[in-house]
């Protein structure tokens, strides 16, 4: 039973909770191991139609566990790759799983917490959340795919600024940068998150999976390759029950009831 990451599954929604509130949900080796296993489980479960990623306690994630770093100052250079490989596997699981992932962030998001947030497909944040890449403040280069994801979201120059200077910025700024989708009052965060999750869980899951895959692979594809991939994905969607439901409901001016197949 995982202690640092909790998983609950209800009504086709998987909730992954970063669960080290006593340590500001900071990322350590145990969490790396737990999160890799849980994201792999969620990725493989075809009954899950939407995923929520959130943090327990007062914040989403404060980055890496600085106390653990200090305890390993003399050995980190030789043993950190084990943790990095587990982290990388979790990032890939979130990005490649064939269902939408919604990150709900609050309090603060720092360091590798930014990586997990960026790996989600959609992000909702409390308006009073604070963000920082943090790495430049402790003499580290970025991990968790942030050197890949951040420039694609905000542009190379802005990514350089956020990583090298590691300044704090607020939720409105994060929204303007394209790092989050919605900034809502803290008291509305839970209800707005639930509303979004229900929309995602009741949507055309196969079409969502195809769209997610297309958008992610577009970063590395030529236009010709992407057009071909779009055609294959479109044809695949045409075989689903949800496509037939959607077309029929549209013609009958009714709201479609998708089953995710």
Protein backbone atom coordinates (compact mmCIF):
# COMPACT_ATOMS: atom_id res chain seq x y z
CA UNK A 1 0.00 0.00 0.00
CA UNK A 2 1.52 3.28 -1.09
CA UNK A 3 2.05 5.93 1.58
CA UNK A 4 3.41 8.79 -0.52
CA UNK A 5 0.84 8.56 -3.34
CA UNK A 6 -2.82 7.62 -2.97
CA UNK A 7 -5.02 6.19 -5.70
CA UNK A 8 -8.80 6.07 -5.66
CA UNK A 9 -11.03 4.98 -8.54
CA UNK A 10 -14.70 5.87 -8.60
CA UNK A 11 -17.21 6.23 -11.43
CA UNK A 12 -14.50 5.77 -14.09
CA UNK A 13 -12.37 8.56 -12.56
CA UNK A 14 -8.95 7.84 -11.09
CA UNK A 15 -7.68 10.32 -8.50
CA UNK A 16 -3.93 10.33 -7.92
CA UNK A 17 -3.02 12.28 -4.78
CA UNK A 18 0.55 13.29 -3.92
CA UNK A 19 0.51 12.48 -0.24
CA UNK A 20 3.45 13.84 1.74
CA UNK A 21 1.73 16.90 3.23
CA UNK A 22 4.09 16.91 6.21
CA UNK A 23 6.93 17.50 3.71
CA UNK A 24 5.00 19.80 1.34
CA UNK A 25 4.51 16.82 -1.00
CA UNK A 26 8.19 17.06 -1.91
CA UNK A 27 9.43 14.41 -4.30
CA UNK A 28 11.70 11.71 -2.85
CA UNK A 29 12.76 8.20 -3.83
CA UNK A 30 9.77 6.53 -2.19
CA UNK A 31 7.37 8.82 -4.02
CA UNK A 32 9.26 8.19 -7.27
CA UNK A 33 8.74 4.45 -6.87
CA UNK A 34 5.10 4.74 -5.79
CA UNK A 35 4.12 7.20 -8.51
CA UNK A 36 5.71 5.15 -11.29
CA UNK A 37 3.69 2.07 -10.23
CA UNK A 38 0.43 3.97 -9.83
CA UNK A 39 0.65 5.88 -13.10
CA UNK A 40 1.45 2.62 -14.90
CA UNK A 41 -1.61 0.99 -13.29
CA UNK A 42 -3.88 3.87 -14.26
CA UNK A 43 -2.47 3.98 -17.78
CA UNK A 44 -3.26 0.29 -18.30
CA UNK A 45 -6.78 0.32 -16.82
CA UNK A 46 -9.19 0.65 -19.75
CA UNK A 47 -12.15 1.23 -17.40
CA UNK A 48 -10.73 4.61 -16.35
CA UNK A 49 -12.01 7.48 -18.49
CA UNK A 50 -10.49 10.50 -16.73
CA UNK A 51 -7.65 11.14 -14.28
CA UNK A 52 -7.23 13.78 -11.58
CA UNK A 53 -3.75 14.65 -10.27
CA UNK A 54 -3.67 16.69 -7.07
CA UNK A 55 -1.71 17.31 -3.88
CA UNK A 56 -2.76 16.67 -0.29
CA UNK A 57 -2.59 19.39 2.34
CA UNK A 58 -1.76 23.03 1.77
CA UNK A 59 -0.08 22.81 -1.63
CA UNK A 60 0.37 20.78 -4.80
CA UNK A 61 4.13 20.09 -4.70
CA UNK A 62 7.15 22.00 -3.41
CA UNK A 63 9.60 20.26 -5.75
CA UNK A 64 12.33 17.82 -4.76
CA UNK A 65 12.95 16.86 -1.14
CA UNK A 66 15.73 19.29 -0.15
CA UNK A 67 16.38 17.52 3.16
CA UNK A 68 16.90 14.23 1.30
CA UNK A 69 19.21 16.03 -1.14
CA UNK A 70 21.27 17.30 1.78
CA UNK A 71 21.54 13.85 3.32
CA UNK A 72 22.83 12.52 -0.02
CA UNK A 73 25.16 15.38 -0.96
CA UNK A 74 28.16 13.09 -1.38
CA UNK A 75 26.35 10.30 -3.24
CA UNK A 76 23.64 11.96 -5.34
CA UNK A 77 25.78 12.27 -8.45
CA UNK A 78 26.22 8.49 -8.58
CA UNK A 79 22.78 7.27 -7.47
CA UNK A 80 20.32 9.90 -8.69
CA UNK A 81 19.74 8.28 -12.09
CA UNK A 82 17.55 5.61 -10.48
CA UNK A 83 15.18 8.32 -9.26
CA UNK A 84 15.35 10.18 -12.57
CA UNK A 85 14.37 7.07 -14.54
CA UNK A 86 11.35 6.51 -12.29
CA UNK A 87 10.38 10.17 -12.60
CA UNK A 88 10.70 10.04 -16.36
CA UNK A 89 8.53 6.92 -16.52
CA UNK A 90 5.79 8.67 -14.53
CA UNK A 91 5.90 11.73 -16.79
CA UNK A 92 5.59 9.52 -19.86
CA UNK A 93 2.74 7.56 -18.29
CA UNK A 94 0.79 10.75 -17.66
CA UNK A 95 1.38 12.09 -21.15
CA UNK A 96 0.86 8.83 -23.02
CA UNK A 97 -2.09 7.29 -21.17
CA UNK A 98 -5.13 7.15 -23.49
CA UNK A 99 -7.39 9.27 -21.28
CA UNK A 100 -7.37 12.92 -20.27
CA UNK A 101 -5.39 13.98 -17.19
CA UNK A 102 -6.54 17.04 -15.24
CA UNK A 103 -4.12 18.56 -12.72
CA UNK A 104 -5.69 20.52 -9.87
CA UNK A 105 -3.08 22.74 -8.21
CA UNK A 106 -3.17 24.99 -5.17
CA UNK A 107 -0.86 26.66 -2.70
CA UNK A 108 2.42 26.43 -4.55
CA UNK A 109 3.91 24.51 -7.46
CA UNK A 110 7.70 24.35 -7.66
CA UNK A 111 10.48 22.43 -9.38
CA UNK A 112 9.43 18.95 -10.41
CA UNK A 113 5.89 19.88 -9.39
CA UNK A 114 5.90 22.11 -12.46
CA UNK A 115 6.91 19.08 -14.54
CA UNK A 116 3.97 17.03 -13.30
CA UNK A 117 1.62 19.95 -13.90
CA UNK A 118 2.90 20.44 -17.45
CA UNK A 119 2.61 16.70 -18.17
CA UNK A 120 -1.13 16.89 -17.47
CA UNK A 121 -3.44 17.62 -20.39
CA UNK A 122 -5.42 20.32 -18.58
CA UNK A 123 -4.71 22.37 -15.45
CA UNK A 124 -7.03 24.18 -13.07
CA UNK A 125 -5.52 26.30 -10.31
CA UNK A 126 -6.65 28.27 -7.30
CA UNK A 127 -6.17 31.98 -7.95
CA UNK A 128 -3.79 32.34 -4.99
CA UNK A 129 -1.39 29.63 -6.21
CA UNK A 130 2.27 30.57 -6.66
CA UNK A 131 4.59 28.99 -9.23
CA UNK A 132 8.37 28.75 -9.67
CA UNK A 133 10.74 26.54 -11.62
CA UNK A 134 13.06 26.76 -8.56
CA UNK A 135 16.06 24.95 -10.06
CA UNK A 136 18.20 28.07 -10.46
CA UNK A 137 17.77 28.80 -6.75
CA UNK A 138 19.50 25.58 -5.64
CA UNK A 139 22.11 25.07 -8.35
CA UNK A 140 20.30 22.42 -10.38
CA UNK A 141 19.28 22.01 -14.00
CA UNK A 142 15.67 21.01 -14.76
CA UNK A 143 14.31 17.46 -14.81
CA UNK A 144 10.98 15.71 -15.33
CA UNK A 145 10.80 16.80 -18.96
CA UNK A 146 10.49 20.50 -18.12
CA UNK A 147 13.30 21.48 -20.50
CA UNK A 148 11.21 19.85 -23.24
CA UNK A 149 7.72 20.92 -22.19
CA UNK A 150 8.31 24.46 -20.94
CA UNK A 151 9.74 26.02 -24.15
CA UNK A 152 6.94 24.41 -26.16
CA UNK A 153 4.37 26.02 -23.90
CA UNK A 154 5.88 29.46 -23.28
CA UNK A 155 8.64 29.87 -25.91
CA UNK A 156 12.39 29.46 -25.53
CA UNK A 157 13.22 32.94 -24.24
CA UNK A 158 10.54 32.87 -21.55
CA UNK A 159 11.53 29.31 -20.61
CA UNK A 160 15.12 30.48 -20.18
CA UNK A 161 13.92 33.29 -17.92
CA UNK A 162 11.74 31.04 -15.78
CA UNK A 163 14.44 28.39 -15.36
CA UNK A 164 17.54 30.57 -14.95
CA UNK A 165 16.02 33.22 -12.66
CA UNK A 166 13.47 30.92 -10.97
CA UNK A 167 11.28 33.86 -9.91
CA UNK A 168 7.85 33.36 -8.34
CA UNK A 169 4.77 34.16 -10.41
CA UNK A 170 1.05 34.02 -9.76
CA UNK A 171 -1.83 32.07 -11.29
CA UNK A 172 -2.94 34.88 -13.59
CA UNK A 173 0.58 35.05 -15.01
CA UNK A 174 0.68 31.27 -15.37
CA UNK A 175 -2.57 31.44 -17.31
CA UNK A 176 -1.20 34.18 -19.56
CA UNK A 177 1.90 32.06 -20.21
CA UNK A 178 -0.28 29.10 -21.23
CA UNK A 179 0.84 26.93 -18.31
CA UNK A 180 -2.65 26.55 -16.84
CA UNK A 181 -6.14 26.61 -18.34
CA UNK A 182 -8.24 28.05 -15.52
CA UNK A 183 -7.59 30.15 -12.42
CA UNK A 184 -10.55 30.10 -10.04
CA UNK A 185 -11.23 31.37 -6.51
CA UNK A 186 -9.81 28.94 -3.96
CA UNK A 187 -13.26 28.31 -2.50
CA UNK A 188 -14.51 27.18 -5.92
CA UNK A 189 -11.56 24.96 -6.81
CA UNK A 190 -13.10 21.66 -5.68
CA UNK A 191 -16.47 22.23 -7.35
CA UNK A 192 -14.97 23.50 -10.61
CA UNK A 193 -12.55 20.56 -10.67
CA UNK A 194 -15.42 18.11 -10.18
CA UNK A 195 -17.41 19.76 -12.96
CA UNK A 196 -14.52 19.40 -15.38
CA UNK A 197 -13.86 15.81 -14.35
CA UNK A 198 -17.47 14.83 -14.98
CA UNK A 199 -17.35 16.37 -18.45
CA UNK A 200 -14.15 14.46 -19.26
CA UNK A 201 -15.32 11.15 -17.77
CA UNK A 202 -18.58 11.32 -19.73
CA UNK A 203 -16.96 12.30 -23.00
CA UNK A 204 -15.92 10.22 -26.05
CA UNK A 205 -12.89 8.54 -24.45
CA UNK A 206 -11.48 7.02 -27.62
CA UNK A 207 -11.67 10.34 -29.46
CA UNK A 208 -10.00 12.07 -26.50
CA UNK A 209 -7.19 9.50 -26.59
CA UNK A 210 -6.66 9.99 -30.31
CA UNK A 211 -6.67 13.79 -29.97
CA UNK A 212 -4.22 13.66 -27.06
CA UNK A 213 -1.85 11.42 -29.00
CA UNK A 214 -2.06 13.63 -32.08
CA UNK A 215 -1.32 16.83 -30.18
CA UNK A 216 1.62 15.35 -28.29
CA UNK A 217 3.25 13.76 -31.34
CA UNK A 218 2.75 16.89 -33.45
CA UNK A 219 5.77 18.48 -31.76
CA UNK A 220 8.08 16.02 -33.50
CA UNK A 221 6.20 15.27 -36.73
CA UNK A 222 6.43 16.86 -40.13
CA UNK A 223 3.18 18.25 -41.52
CA UNK A 224 2.95 15.33 -43.95
CA UNK A 225 3.37 12.79 -41.17
CA UNK A 226 0.86 14.62 -38.98
CA UNK A 227 -1.75 14.75 -41.73
CA UNK A 228 -1.36 11.01 -42.22
CA UNK A 229 -1.66 10.40 -38.47
CA UNK A 230 -4.79 12.55 -38.35
CA UNK A 231 -6.37 10.47 -41.08
CA UNK A 232 -5.69 7.21 -39.27
CA UNK A 233 -7.01 8.60 -35.99
CA UNK A 234 -10.15 9.95 -37.67
CA UNK A 235 -10.83 6.59 -39.29
CA UNK A 236 -10.32 4.84 -35.96
CA UNK A 237 -12.85 7.13 -34.29
CA UNK A 238 -15.37 6.32 -37.03
CA UNK A 239 -15.47 2.71 -35.81
CA UNK A 240 -16.61 3.57 -32.29
CA UNK A 241 -20.04 3.44 -30.71
CA UNK A 242 -19.49 6.98 -29.43
CA UNK A 243 -19.13 8.28 -33.00
CA UNK A 244 -22.46 6.73 -33.97
CA UNK A 245 -24.03 8.11 -30.79
CA UNK A 246 -22.63 11.58 -31.40
CA UNK A 247 -23.81 11.77 -35.01
CA UNK A 248 -27.27 10.43 -34.20
CA UNK A 249 -27.70 12.77 -31.24
CA UNK A 250 -26.60 15.76 -33.32
CA UNK A 251 -29.12 15.03 -36.05
CA UNK A 252 -31.86 14.51 -33.47
CA UNK A 253 -30.83 17.68 -31.59
CA UNK A 254 -30.20 15.73 -28.39
CA UNK A 255 -27.28 15.62 -25.97
CA UNK A 256 -25.13 12.53 -26.69
CA UNK A 257 -24.59 9.96 -23.96
CA UNK A 258 -21.12 8.62 -24.63
CA UNK A 259 -20.01 5.29 -23.18
CA UNK A 260 -16.29 5.66 -23.85
CA UNK A 261 -16.15 2.96 -26.53
